[in-house]
Each structure stands twice: as structure tokens, then as C-alpha cells.
Amino acid sequence: MKPRLLLFVLAAQCLWILGTVAVQESRLRSDVVVLLETRPVDPRDLLRGDYVILGYALSDIPRELFQGPAFEQPGADTPVYVALAKQGDFHVAAAAYLQKPKDESRPVLRGRVVHSRWAAGQPNTVRLEYGIERFYVREGTGEPRGKLTVEAAIAPEGQAVIRQVYLDGKPYAAAMSGSAL
């Protein structure tokens, strides 16, 4: 009986790993691909290894972009759907919704509220995270110097996956190949 239980546990673990890979691959193959402009953020954490922290221009959504019924200050972890519009080379936030829009013709990115600033006489904004704020890199290449941009694939449910990060217009790995320790 114990060998069967061990085989079952091993098989379940293998299926979970394969399922995770299949979900990520299906997101990467999405037809919706957008180019996002980043903002500089502290690029390295010594305790977790080398990765680049990515901040996006569309992480701070002004209250005026929210569509639909009026609402009070959204709480942390509230899902927000951001419709994107192409402006120049990049996609920017065009509208925001608290529920996934049914008839939106533009790409829609799903984020979650980190915090919001609602005060009289102050700019009212909502800070969002999209799940694409970290990009893991080869050891010794976590401190880029230059302009970072991100190419992201957006799945139909609004979740994004990083396809490529560019440093000054070149793929990150190629741009940093001479910078390794």
C-alpha cells in the first residue's frame, strides 16, 4: 500500500509542475502583446538573488480614469482592470474598471490595488501591481544602466507575462552580456 501512495504523490507533483508550465506557455502565446514603459526602481536584492524590479508608468492610475458606477476608495488587493491604448511606441492606461469590461475592444490588463491616496485637494490615485514587477536575471547582471522597456503578453483573463525586457532597445541578456562579473 505504501508504494502506491508514494507513486500517487510523485505523480501528483509531476502533474502540478507540468500544469504550471502549460499555463505559463499558453499565456506567452497570447495574441495580445504590448510594450510597456518602465520607471527606475532599486534593481537588486542580495537576499533573493539577482533580479530587476520593474516599475511601470501605468502603475499609478488617477481616479479620473475609473469608469462605471462611482465608488469609494478601493481597498488593498481589490482587482482592477486597466484598458490600454497605444500612444507612440508604448501602451498606456486609457480607462480603469473594478469589474472586467465585457465589451472592451482594447487590451485589458488585470492588476490589484496596493494602496490608494484619496484626500481632499490632493491627486487621487490608485497604486496597482500587475504581477510583472520582477524580472530574474543571470547572476551579476542585476544592475542595468539605461532605459528598460517590457514586452508583455496579456492572456484573455487580463494576466500578463513578461515576454522580453529590453535595455536601450536591445534584449536584456544581449545588452548585459559584457557586464557579467
C-alpha atoms as a PDB file:
ATOM      1  CA  MET A   1       0.000   0.000   0.000  1.00  0.00           C
ATOM      2  CA  LYS A   2       2.816   2.450   0.779  1.00  0.00           C
ATOM      3  CA  PRO A   3       4.494   2.160  -2.652  1.00  0.00           C
ATOM      4  CA  ARG A   4       1.154   3.096  -4.261  1.00  0.00           C
ATOM      5  CA  LEU A   5       0.852   6.151  -2.028  1.00  0.00           C
ATOM      6  CA  LEU A   6       4.395   7.204  -2.903  1.00  0.00           C
ATOM      7  CA  LEU A   7       3.683   6.787  -6.626  1.00  0.00           C
ATOM      8  CA  PHE A   8       0.480   8.800  -6.267  1.00  0.00           C
ATOM      9  CA  VAL A   9       2.313  11.659  -4.510  1.00  0.00           C
ATOM     10  CA  LEU A  10       5.078  11.668  -7.144  1.00  0.00           C
ATOM     11  CA  ALA A  11       2.566  11.618  -9.976  1.00  0.00           C
ATOM     12  CA  ALA A  12       0.588  14.495  -8.405  1.00  0.00           C
ATOM     13  CA  GLN A  13       3.754  16.579  -8.083  1.00  0.00           C
ATOM     14  CA  CYS A  14       4.722  15.914 -11.701  1.00  0.00           C
ATOM     15  CA  LEU A  15       1.228  16.837 -12.915  1.00  0.00           C
ATOM     16  CA  TRP A  16       1.295  20.065 -10.894  1.00  0.00           C
ATOM     17  CA  ILE A  17       4.660  21.075 -12.396  1.00  0.00           C
ATOM     18  CA  LEU A  18       3.538  20.223 -15.932  1.00  0.00           C
ATOM     19  CA  GLY A  19       0.259  22.081 -15.410  1.00  0.00           C
ATOM     20  CA  THR A  20       2.093  25.202 -14.226  1.00  0.00           C
ATOM     21  CA  VAL A  21       4.353  25.106 -17.278  1.00  0.00           C
ATOM     22  CA  ALA A  22       1.362  24.618 -19.596  1.00  0.00           C
ATOM     23  CA  VAL A  23      -0.478  27.631 -18.111  1.00  0.00           C
ATOM     24  CA  GLN A  24       2.588  29.893 -18.471  1.00  0.00           C
ATOM     25  CA  GLU A  25       3.214  28.755 -22.042  1.00  0.00           C
ATOM     26  CA  SER A  26      -0.409  29.376 -23.015  1.00  0.00           C
ATOM     27  CA  ARG A  27      -0.150  32.922 -21.618  1.00  0.00           C
ATOM     28  CA  LEU A  28       3.093  33.558 -23.517  1.00  0.00           C
ATOM     29  CA  ARG A  29       1.400  32.508 -26.766  1.00  0.00           C
ATOM     30  CA  SER A  30      -1.334  35.123 -26.323  1.00  0.00           C
ATOM     31  CA  ASP A  31      -2.240  37.172 -29.388  1.00  0.00           C
ATOM     32  CA  VAL A  32      -2.235  40.365 -27.324  1.00  0.00           C
ATOM     33  CA  VAL A  33       1.311  41.707 -26.898  1.00  0.00           C
ATOM     34  CA  VAL A  34       2.014  45.197 -25.572  1.00  0.00           C
ATOM     35  CA  LEU A  35       5.134  47.291 -24.976  1.00  0.00           C
ATOM     36  CA  LEU A  36       5.210  48.941 -21.546  1.00  0.00           C
ATOM     37  CA  GLU A  37       7.377  51.819 -20.382  1.00  0.00           C
ATOM     38  CA  THR A  38       9.124  51.318 -17.047  1.00  0.00           C
ATOM     39  CA  ARG A  39      10.254  53.622 -14.252  1.00  0.00           C
ATOM     40  CA  PRO A  40      13.570  53.198 -12.435  1.00  0.00           C
ATOM     41  CA  VAL A  41      13.377  51.308  -9.120  1.00  0.00           C
ATOM     42  CA  ASP A  42      16.032  49.779  -6.849  1.00  0.00           C
ATOM     43  CA  PRO A  43      17.317  46.964  -9.091  1.00  0.00           C
ATOM     44  CA  ARG A  44      18.705  44.303  -6.745  1.00  0.00           C
ATOM     45  CA  ASP A  45      18.004  42.291  -3.594  1.00  0.00           C
ATOM     46  CA  LEU A  46      21.029  40.429  -2.249  1.00  0.00           C
ATOM     47  CA  LEU A  47      18.952  38.002  -0.163  1.00  0.00           C
ATOM     48  CA  ARG A  48      16.784  36.732  -3.046  1.00  0.00           C
ATOM     49  CA  GLY A  49      19.300  36.651  -5.870  1.00  0.00           C
ATOM     50  CA  ASP A  50      19.632  38.805  -8.936  1.00  0.00           C
ATOM     51  CA  TYR A  51      16.525  40.294 -10.398  1.00  0.00           C
ATOM     52  CA  VAL A  52      15.414  43.630 -11.717  1.00  0.00           C
ATOM     53  CA  ILE A  53      12.485  45.338 -10.025  1.00  0.00           C
ATOM     54  CA  LEU A  54      10.277  46.906 -12.679  1.00  0.00           C
ATOM     55  CA  GLY A  55       8.060  49.888 -12.022  1.00  0.00           C
ATOM     56  CA  TYR A  56       5.580  50.906 -14.706  1.00  0.00           C
ATOM     57  CA  ALA A  57       4.216  54.240 -15.830  1.00  0.00           C
ATOM     58  CA  LEU A  58       0.731  52.680 -15.638  1.00  0.00           C
ATOM     59  CA  SER A  59       1.112  51.526 -12.021  1.00  0.00           C
ATOM     60  CA  ASP A  60      -0.409  54.779 -10.684  1.00  0.00           C
ATOM     61  CA  ILE A  61      -3.954  55.168 -12.014  1.00  0.00           C
ATOM     62  CA  PRO A  62      -5.685  58.531 -11.472  1.00  0.00           C
ATOM     63  CA  ARG A  63      -9.248  58.409 -10.184  1.00  0.00           C
ATOM     64  CA  GLU A  64     -10.470  60.140 -13.364  1.00  0.00           C
ATOM     65  CA  LEU A  65      -9.687  57.032 -15.439  1.00  0.00           C
ATOM     66  CA  PHE A  66     -12.127  54.837 -13.493  1.00  0.00           C
ATOM     67  CA  GLN A  67     -15.291  54.067 -15.458  1.00  0.00           C
ATOM     68  CA  GLY A  68     -18.629  52.762 -14.270  1.00  0.00           C
ATOM     69  CA  PRO A  69     -20.506  53.420 -11.054  1.00  0.00           C
ATOM     70  CA  ALA A  70     -18.978  55.840  -8.541  1.00  0.00           C
ATOM     71  CA  PHE A  71     -17.018  54.164  -5.823  1.00  0.00           C
ATOM     72  CA  GLU A  72     -15.208  54.987  -2.626  1.00  0.00           C
ATOM     73  CA  GLN A  73     -11.517  54.474  -2.028  1.00  0.00           C
ATOM     74  CA  PRO A  74     -10.705  50.894  -3.124  1.00  0.00           C
ATOM     75  CA  GLY A  75      -9.097  48.671  -0.507  1.00  0.00           C
ATOM     76  CA  ALA A  76      -5.880  46.700  -0.800  1.00  0.00           C
ATOM     77  CA  ASP A  77      -5.995  43.614  -3.064  1.00  0.00           C
ATOM     78  CA  THR A  78      -9.085  44.867  -4.917  1.00  0.00           C
ATOM     79  CA  PRO A  79      -8.846  43.691  -8.543  1.00  0.00           C
ATOM     80  CA  VAL A  80      -8.704  46.476 -11.125  1.00  0.00           C
ATOM     81  CA  TYR A  81      -8.872  46.057 -14.905  1.00  0.00           C
ATOM     82  CA  VAL A  82      -6.927  48.632 -16.924  1.00  0.00           C
ATOM     83  CA  ALA A  83      -7.758  49.139 -20.611  1.00  0.00           C
ATOM     84  CA  LEU A  84      -4.649  50.043 -22.623  1.00  0.00           C
ATOM     85  CA  ALA A  85      -4.282  52.341 -25.613  1.00  0.00           C
ATOM     86  CA  LYS A  86      -1.229  52.651 -27.840  1.00  0.00           C
ATOM     87  CA  GLN A  87       0.439  56.038 -27.530  1.00  0.00           C
ATOM     88  CA  GLY A  88       3.610  56.323 -29.577  1.00  0.00           C
ATOM     89  CA  ASP A  89       5.678  53.175 -29.089  1.00  0.00           C
ATOM     90  CA  PHE A  90       4.077  52.210 -25.770  1.00  0.00           C
ATOM     91  CA  HIS A  91       0.705  51.220 -24.371  1.00  0.00           C
ATOM     92  CA  VAL A  92      -0.676  53.482 -21.634  1.00  0.00           C
ATOM     93  CA  ALA A  93      -3.665  53.349 -19.280  1.00  0.00           C
ATOM     94  CA  ALA A  94      -6.788  54.630 -21.040  1.00  0.00           C
ATOM     95  CA  ALA A  95      -9.521  53.538 -18.615  1.00  0.00           C
ATOM     96  CA  ALA A  96      -9.879  51.517 -15.403  1.00  0.00           C
ATOM     97  CA  TYR A  97     -12.694  49.291 -14.156  1.00  0.00           C
ATOM     98  CA  LEU A  98     -13.472  47.462 -10.922  1.00  0.00           C
ATOM     99  CA  GLN A  99     -15.054  44.635 -12.928  1.00  0.00           C
ATOM    100  CA  LYS A 100     -13.764  43.111 -16.143  1.00  0.00           C
ATOM    101  CA  PRO A 101     -15.397  45.021 -19.005  1.00  0.00           C
ATOM    102  CA  LYS A 102     -17.402  42.803 -21.346  1.00  0.00           C
ATOM    103  CA  ASP A 103     -17.229  44.942 -24.476  1.00  0.00           C
ATOM    104  CA  GLU A 104     -13.742  46.473 -24.262  1.00  0.00           C
ATOM    105  CA  SER A 105     -12.027  46.379 -27.654  1.00  0.00           C
ATOM    106  CA  ARG A 106      -8.607  47.405 -26.295  1.00  0.00           C
ATOM    107  CA  PRO A 107      -6.189  45.111 -24.419  1.00  0.00           C
ATOM    108  CA  VAL A 108      -7.148  44.859 -20.737  1.00  0.00           C
ATOM    109  CA  LEU A 109      -4.548  44.261 -18.040  1.00  0.00           C
ATOM    110  CA  ARG A 110      -5.577  42.915 -14.625  1.00  0.00           C
ATOM    111  CA  GLY A 111      -3.910  44.369 -11.547  1.00  0.00           C
ATOM    112  CA  ARG A 112      -4.531  44.530  -7.839  1.00  0.00           C
ATOM    113  CA  VAL A 113      -4.601  47.560  -5.561  1.00  0.00           C
ATOM    114  CA  VAL A 114      -1.514  48.006  -3.413  1.00  0.00           C
ATOM    115  CA  HIS A 115      -2.712  51.274  -1.888  1.00  0.00           C
ATOM    116  CA  SER A 116      -4.731  54.338  -2.810  1.00  0.00           C
ATOM    117  CA  ARG A 117      -4.476  58.019  -1.971  1.00  0.00           C
ATOM    118  CA  TRP A 118      -7.835  59.676  -1.565  1.00  0.00           C
ATOM    119  CA  ALA A 119      -7.602  63.101   0.087  1.00  0.00           C
ATOM    120  CA  ALA A 120      -9.287  66.428  -0.480  1.00  0.00           C
ATOM    121  CA  GLY A 121      -7.141  68.809  -2.505  1.00  0.00           C
ATOM    122  CA  GLN A 122      -4.636  66.067  -3.395  1.00  0.00           C
ATOM    123  CA  PRO A 123      -4.252  63.997  -6.566  1.00  0.00           C
ATOM    124  CA  ASN A 124      -6.389  60.888  -6.098  1.00  0.00           C
ATOM    125  CA  THR A 125      -4.530  57.840  -7.405  1.00  0.00           C
ATOM    126  CA  VAL A 126      -4.597  54.096  -7.037  1.00  0.00           C
ATOM    127  CA  ARG A 127      -1.289  52.185  -6.976  1.00  0.00           C
ATOM    128  CA  LEU A 128      -1.515  48.828  -8.775  1.00  0.00           C
ATOM    129  CA  GLU A 129       0.687  45.770  -9.197  1.00  0.00           C
ATOM    130  CA  TYR A 130       0.274  43.518 -12.228  1.00  0.00           C
ATOM    131  CA  GLY A 131       2.423  40.532 -11.254  1.00  0.00           C
ATOM    132  CA  ILE A 132       5.178  41.508 -13.702  1.00  0.00           C
ATOM    133  CA  GLU A 133       7.232  43.691 -11.392  1.00  0.00           C
ATOM    134  CA  ARG A 134      10.194  41.286 -11.143  1.00  0.00           C
ATOM    135  CA  PHE A 135      12.439  40.037 -13.908  1.00  0.00           C
ATOM    136  CA  TYR A 136      15.000  37.434 -12.831  1.00  0.00           C
ATOM    137  CA  VAL A 137      18.396  37.731 -14.492  1.00  0.00           C
ATOM    138  CA  ARG A 138      21.704  35.924 -14.727  1.00  0.00           C
ATOM    139  CA  GLU A 139      23.978  36.453 -11.717  1.00  0.00           C
ATOM    140  CA  GLY A 140      25.926  39.674 -11.896  1.00  0.00           C
ATOM    141  CA  THR A 141      23.596  41.384 -14.380  1.00  0.00           C
ATOM    142  CA  GLY A 142      21.043  42.840 -11.940  1.00  0.00           C
ATOM    143  CA  GLU A 143      22.179  46.465 -12.180  1.00  0.00           C
ATOM    144  CA  PRO A 144      21.259  47.788 -15.622  1.00  0.00           C
ATOM    145  CA  ARG A 145      22.230  51.279 -16.749  1.00  0.00           C
ATOM    146  CA  GLY A 146      19.866  52.641 -19.352  1.00  0.00           C
ATOM    147  CA  LYS A 147      16.198  52.682 -20.368  1.00  0.00           C
ATOM    148  CA  LEU A 148      14.253  49.489 -19.674  1.00  0.00           C
ATOM    149  CA  THR A 149      11.113  48.576 -21.607  1.00  0.00           C
ATOM    150  CA  VAL A 150       8.989  45.446 -21.283  1.00  0.00           C
ATOM    151  CA  GLU A 151       7.177  43.407 -23.913  1.00  0.00           C
ATOM    152  CA  ALA A 152       4.308  41.613 -22.178  1.00  0.00           C
ATOM    153  CA  ALA A 153       1.757  39.082 -23.384  1.00  0.00           C
ATOM    154  CA  ILE A 154      -1.744  39.520 -21.958  1.00  0.00           C
ATOM    155  CA  ALA A 155      -3.960  36.469 -21.521  1.00  0.00           C
ATOM    156  CA  PRO A 156      -7.733  36.798 -22.158  1.00  0.00           C
ATOM    157  CA  GLU A 157      -8.405  36.986 -18.389  1.00  0.00           C
ATOM    158  CA  GLY A 158      -6.061  40.003 -18.152  1.00  0.00           C
ATOM    159  CA  GLN A 159      -2.999  38.401 -16.560  1.00  0.00           C
ATOM    160  CA  ALA A 160       0.306  39.497 -18.042  1.00  0.00           C
ATOM    161  CA  VAL A 161       3.551  37.582 -18.576  1.00  0.00           C
ATOM    162  CA  ILE A 162       6.863  39.178 -19.485  1.00  0.00           C
ATOM    163  CA  ARG A 163       7.989  38.041 -22.942  1.00  0.00           C
ATOM    164  CA  GLN A 164      11.108  40.180 -23.194  1.00  0.00           C
ATOM    165  CA  VAL A 165      12.841  43.014 -21.358  1.00  0.00           C
ATOM    166  CA  TYR A 166      14.813  45.483 -23.429  1.00  0.00           C
ATOM    167  CA  LEU A 167      17.680  47.662 -22.263  1.00  0.00           C
ATOM    168  CA  ASP A 168      18.119  50.672 -24.551  1.00  0.00           C
ATOM    169  CA  GLY A 169      16.247  48.810 -27.309  1.00  0.00           C
ATOM    170  CA  LYS A 170      18.286  45.564 -27.122  1.00  0.00           C
ATOM    171  CA  PRO A 171      17.172  42.327 -25.443  1.00  0.00           C
ATOM    172  CA  TYR A 172      18.314  42.429 -21.806  1.00  0.00           C
ATOM    173  CA  ALA A 173      20.595  39.365 -21.904  1.00  0.00           C
ATOM    174  CA  ALA A 174      22.392  40.614 -25.030  1.00  0.00           C
ATOM    175  CA  ALA A 175      22.780  44.136 -23.643  1.00  0.00           C
ATOM    176  CA  MET A 176      24.175  42.867 -20.323  1.00  0.00           C
ATOM    177  CA  SER A 177      26.417  40.109 -21.731  1.00  0.00           C
ATOM    178  CA  GLY A 178      29.529  42.256 -21.311  1.00  0.00           C
ATOM    179  CA  SER A 179      28.536  43.351 -17.784  1.00  0.00           C
ATOM    180  CA  ALA A 180      28.720  39.980 -16.029  1.00  0.00           C
ATOM    181  CA  LEU A 181      31.183  39.650 -13.151  1.00  0.00           C
END
